């Protein structure tokens, strides 16, 4: 079953610093969703199986592809095999050239980022295609805020 508030982010372990994870989660929090990684669960005995389970249950799959990481390529293949429609690809752009990605990515659309702020911006852009930003302050006199709050907590309409 799909968890509508769950977003899978696949990336290489080398790339996934605490800043990388925090920027992704900060972008996700604006939309009231949670970013999950293949190694999210410390109880998981098999990271691959855990990643597959998270991909299968996530509404959106974002994959940060790199030339030398087969894990993300496998996650992409699994997401496509599951029939996932909401798959977004991005990659870090080298300073003076285009990224040299494996041939399996030829013809696919992906976004490029140079720094962590661009990375965060693309995460936010991908999420904005499927979610609305969560209001940070709710004004009780605003009818749109009241409608949003009713949807979030499943209250029946007046």
Protein backbone atom coordinates (compact mmCIF):
# COMPACT_ATOMS: atom_id res chain seq x y z
CA UNK A 1 0.00 0.00 0.00
CA UNK A 2 1.27 3.48 -0.93
CA UNK A 3 2.01 5.85 1.94
CA UNK A 4 0.90 9.22 0.49
CA UNK A 5 3.20 11.17 2.84
CA UNK A 6 6.35 9.15 2.08
CA UNK A 7 9.04 10.06 -0.47
CA UNK A 8 11.93 7.72 -1.24
CA UNK A 9 15.32 9.37 -1.95
CA UNK A 10 17.93 7.08 -3.43
CA UNK A 11 21.56 8.23 -3.45
CA UNK A 12 25.05 6.90 -2.93
CA UNK A 13 26.20 6.44 0.66
CA UNK A 14 29.25 8.63 -0.09
CA UNK A 15 27.03 11.51 -1.15
CA UNK A 16 24.58 11.24 1.73
CA UNK A 17 26.08 13.55 4.32
CA UNK A 18 24.06 14.89 7.21
CA UNK A 19 23.73 18.22 5.35
CA UNK A 20 22.39 16.39 2.26
CA UNK A 21 19.80 14.49 4.31
CA UNK A 22 18.79 17.57 6.31
CA UNK A 23 18.32 19.72 3.21
CA UNK A 24 16.13 17.05 1.62
CA UNK A 25 14.06 16.62 4.78
CA UNK A 26 13.73 20.41 5.25
CA UNK A 27 12.34 20.68 1.72
CA UNK A 28 9.97 17.78 2.38
CA UNK A 29 8.70 19.24 5.65
CA UNK A 30 7.36 22.24 3.72
CA UNK A 31 4.92 19.80 2.12
CA UNK A 32 4.19 17.73 5.21
CA UNK A 33 5.95 14.64 3.86
CA UNK A 34 8.84 12.48 5.06
CA UNK A 35 11.96 11.53 3.13
CA UNK A 36 13.04 7.91 3.57
CA UNK A 37 16.28 6.22 2.52
CA UNK A 38 16.96 2.55 1.82
CA UNK A 39 18.87 2.20 5.08
CA UNK A 40 16.25 4.05 7.19
CA UNK A 41 15.42 1.10 9.40
CA UNK A 42 18.18 -0.08 11.73
CA UNK A 43 16.25 -3.36 12.15
CA UNK A 44 16.47 -4.13 8.42
CA UNK A 45 18.60 -7.19 7.78
CA UNK A 46 18.88 -6.55 4.08
CA UNK A 47 19.23 -2.96 2.87
CA UNK A 48 18.24 -3.90 -0.70
CA UNK A 49 14.97 -5.47 0.45
CA UNK A 50 14.27 -2.52 2.73
CA UNK A 51 14.92 -0.09 -0.16
CA UNK A 52 12.57 -2.09 -2.40
CA UNK A 53 9.88 -2.06 0.30
CA UNK A 54 10.23 1.71 0.73
CA UNK A 55 10.13 2.32 -3.04
CA UNK A 56 6.99 0.21 -3.35
CA UNK A 57 5.25 2.15 -0.58
CA UNK A 58 6.38 5.69 -1.48
CA UNK A 59 4.18 8.08 -3.44
CA UNK A 60 7.22 9.78 -5.00
CA UNK A 61 10.67 8.34 -5.82
CA UNK A 62 13.63 10.70 -6.25
CA UNK A 63 16.93 9.21 -7.38
CA UNK A 64 20.23 11.07 -7.32
CA UNK A 65 22.14 9.25 -10.04
CA UNK A 66 25.93 9.11 -10.27
CA UNK A 67 28.19 7.38 -12.80
CA UNK A 68 29.70 4.86 -10.39
CA UNK A 69 26.76 3.77 -8.23
CA UNK A 70 24.95 0.62 -9.25
CA UNK A 71 22.61 0.72 -6.22
CA UNK A 72 20.71 3.76 -7.48
CA UNK A 73 20.48 2.18 -10.95
CA UNK A 74 18.94 -0.95 -9.39
CA UNK A 75 16.51 1.23 -7.42
CA UNK A 76 15.53 2.98 -10.66
CA UNK A 77 14.92 -0.37 -12.38
CA UNK A 78 12.88 -1.62 -9.44
CA UNK A 79 10.75 1.55 -9.34
CA UNK A 80 10.06 1.26 -13.09
CA UNK A 81 9.31 -2.47 -12.72
CA UNK A 82 6.78 -1.66 -9.97
CA UNK A 83 5.06 0.68 -12.40
CA UNK A 84 5.95 3.75 -10.38
CA UNK A 85 4.94 6.89 -12.33
CA UNK A 86 6.34 9.56 -10.02
CA UNK A 87 10.08 9.00 -10.51
CA UNK A 88 12.39 12.00 -10.64
CA UNK A 89 16.07 11.85 -11.52
CA UNK A 90 18.75 14.36 -10.68
CA UNK A 91 22.54 14.39 -10.73
CA UNK A 92 25.36 16.63 -9.58
CA UNK A 93 26.87 18.59 -12.46
CA UNK A 94 30.67 18.56 -12.66
CA UNK A 95 32.27 21.98 -12.77
CA UNK A 96 33.34 22.15 -16.42
CA UNK A 97 31.53 19.34 -18.22
CA UNK A 98 28.33 17.37 -18.46
CA UNK A 99 27.95 14.37 -16.16
CA UNK A 100 29.16 11.10 -17.66
CA UNK A 101 26.29 8.81 -16.74
CA UNK A 102 25.92 5.13 -17.66
CA UNK A 103 24.18 4.40 -20.96
CA UNK A 104 21.07 3.10 -19.18
CA UNK A 105 20.22 6.74 -18.41
CA UNK A 106 20.55 7.93 -22.03
CA UNK A 107 17.33 9.50 -23.24
CA UNK A 108 15.93 9.93 -19.73
CA UNK A 109 15.18 13.38 -18.39
CA UNK A 110 17.09 14.39 -15.31
CA UNK A 111 17.86 17.66 -13.59
CA UNK A 112 21.37 18.79 -12.74
CA UNK A 113 22.53 20.64 -9.65
CA UNK A 114 25.85 22.26 -8.80
CA UNK A 115 25.55 22.84 -5.07
CA UNK A 116 23.44 21.83 -2.15
CA UNK A 117 21.05 24.77 -2.48
CA UNK A 118 20.26 23.76 -6.08
CA UNK A 119 19.82 20.19 -4.86
CA UNK A 120 17.32 21.37 -2.24
CA UNK A 121 15.56 23.51 -4.86
CA UNK A 122 15.07 20.52 -7.18
CA UNK A 123 13.72 18.39 -4.31
CA UNK A 124 11.24 21.16 -3.54
CA UNK A 125 10.33 21.49 -7.24
CA UNK A 126 9.69 17.74 -7.60
CA UNK A 127 7.54 17.68 -4.46
CA UNK A 128 5.55 20.72 -5.57
CA UNK A 129 4.30 18.67 -8.52
CA UNK A 130 2.52 16.27 -6.14
CA UNK A 131 1.93 18.12 -2.88
CA UNK A 132 0.87 21.50 -1.64
CA UNK A 133 2.96 23.39 0.87
CA UNK A 134 1.79 23.10 4.42
CA UNK A 135 0.81 26.44 5.93
CA UNK A 136 3.20 27.19 8.76
CA UNK A 137 0.80 29.55 10.51
CA UNK A 138 -2.92 28.91 10.42
CA UNK A 139 -5.12 31.98 10.47
CA UNK A 140 -8.51 30.87 11.83
CA UNK A 141 -10.26 33.62 9.82
CA UNK A 142 -8.83 32.37 6.51
CA UNK A 143 -11.40 30.05 4.81
CA UNK A 144 -8.67 28.31 2.77
CA UNK A 145 -6.68 27.54 5.92
CA UNK A 146 -9.81 26.14 7.54
CA UNK A 147 -10.46 23.89 4.51
CA UNK A 148 -6.84 22.73 4.57
CA UNK A 149 -7.04 21.94 8.28
CA UNK A 150 -10.28 19.98 7.81
CA UNK A 151 -8.65 17.88 5.04
CA UNK A 152 -5.54 17.25 7.14
CA UNK A 153 -7.43 15.96 10.16
CA UNK A 154 -10.30 14.41 8.17
CA UNK A 155 -13.09 16.52 9.64
CA UNK A 156 -16.42 16.40 7.83
CA UNK A 157 -17.41 19.62 6.03
CA UNK A 158 -19.82 21.98 7.83
